[in-house]
């Protein structure tokens, strides 16, 4: 069984993985422009309860 077990044969890089970074590199300048709007929805995850409690407490 040891002769049949070849870890190097199982561990092979996929050809698609090499092609993807080449196509993404020209798109890299456009990705930072998308990132700031992506941060805004992260702040909207605040629940309605946590938003209204401070308002009710001050009122």
Protein backbone atom coordinates (compact mmCIF):
# COMPACT_ATOMS: atom_id res chain seq x y z
CA UNK A 1 0.00 0.00 0.00
CA UNK A 2 2.87 2.38 0.66
CA UNK A 3 3.90 2.15 -2.99
CA UNK A 4 0.39 3.19 -4.06
CA UNK A 5 0.18 6.06 -1.57
CA UNK A 6 1.74 9.07 -3.29
CA UNK A 7 0.87 12.33 -1.52
CA UNK A 8 2.46 14.37 -4.30
CA UNK A 9 -0.03 12.96 -6.81
CA UNK A 10 -2.97 14.01 -4.63
CA UNK A 11 -1.65 17.50 -3.93
CA UNK A 12 -1.76 19.29 -7.26
CA UNK A 13 -2.55 22.96 -7.88
CA UNK A 14 -5.61 23.52 -10.00
CA UNK A 15 -4.98 25.24 -13.36
CA UNK A 16 -7.98 27.50 -12.78
CA UNK A 17 -6.41 28.84 -9.59
CA UNK A 18 -3.45 30.13 -11.58
CA UNK A 19 -5.69 31.81 -14.15
CA UNK A 20 -7.91 33.57 -11.59
CA UNK A 21 -5.22 35.87 -10.09
CA UNK A 22 -4.14 36.91 -13.59
CA UNK A 23 -7.68 38.06 -14.41
CA UNK A 24 -8.21 39.67 -11.00
CA UNK A 25 -5.07 41.81 -11.10
CA UNK A 26 -6.54 44.30 -13.65
CA UNK A 27 -9.74 44.41 -11.58
CA UNK A 28 -7.86 45.15 -8.35
CA UNK A 29 -8.26 48.98 -8.64
CA UNK A 30 -12.03 48.56 -8.91
CA UNK A 31 -12.28 46.34 -5.82
CA UNK A 32 -11.31 49.06 -3.27
CA UNK A 33 -14.10 51.23 -4.72
CA UNK A 34 -16.56 48.45 -3.85
CA UNK A 35 -15.21 47.94 -0.32
CA UNK A 36 -16.37 51.24 1.34
CA UNK A 37 -20.05 50.72 0.39
CA UNK A 38 -19.77 47.18 1.74
CA UNK A 39 -18.93 48.60 5.18
CA UNK A 40 -22.16 50.62 5.36
CA UNK A 41 -24.49 47.58 5.33
CA UNK A 42 -22.39 46.09 8.13
CA UNK A 43 -23.53 48.96 10.38
CA UNK A 44 -27.17 48.32 9.41
CA UNK A 45 -27.01 44.94 11.17
CA UNK A 46 -27.90 46.76 14.40
CA UNK A 47 -31.15 45.38 15.72
CA UNK A 48 -34.25 47.54 16.08
CA UNK A 49 -34.21 46.97 19.84
CA UNK A 50 -30.65 48.26 20.26
CA UNK A 51 -31.57 51.26 18.12
CA UNK A 52 -34.76 52.18 19.98
CA UNK A 53 -33.66 51.52 23.57
CA UNK A 54 -31.33 54.56 23.81
CA UNK A 55 -34.05 56.77 22.31
CA UNK A 56 -36.67 55.52 24.79
CA UNK A 57 -34.23 55.82 27.69
CA UNK A 58 -33.51 59.47 26.86
CA UNK A 59 -37.20 60.28 26.30
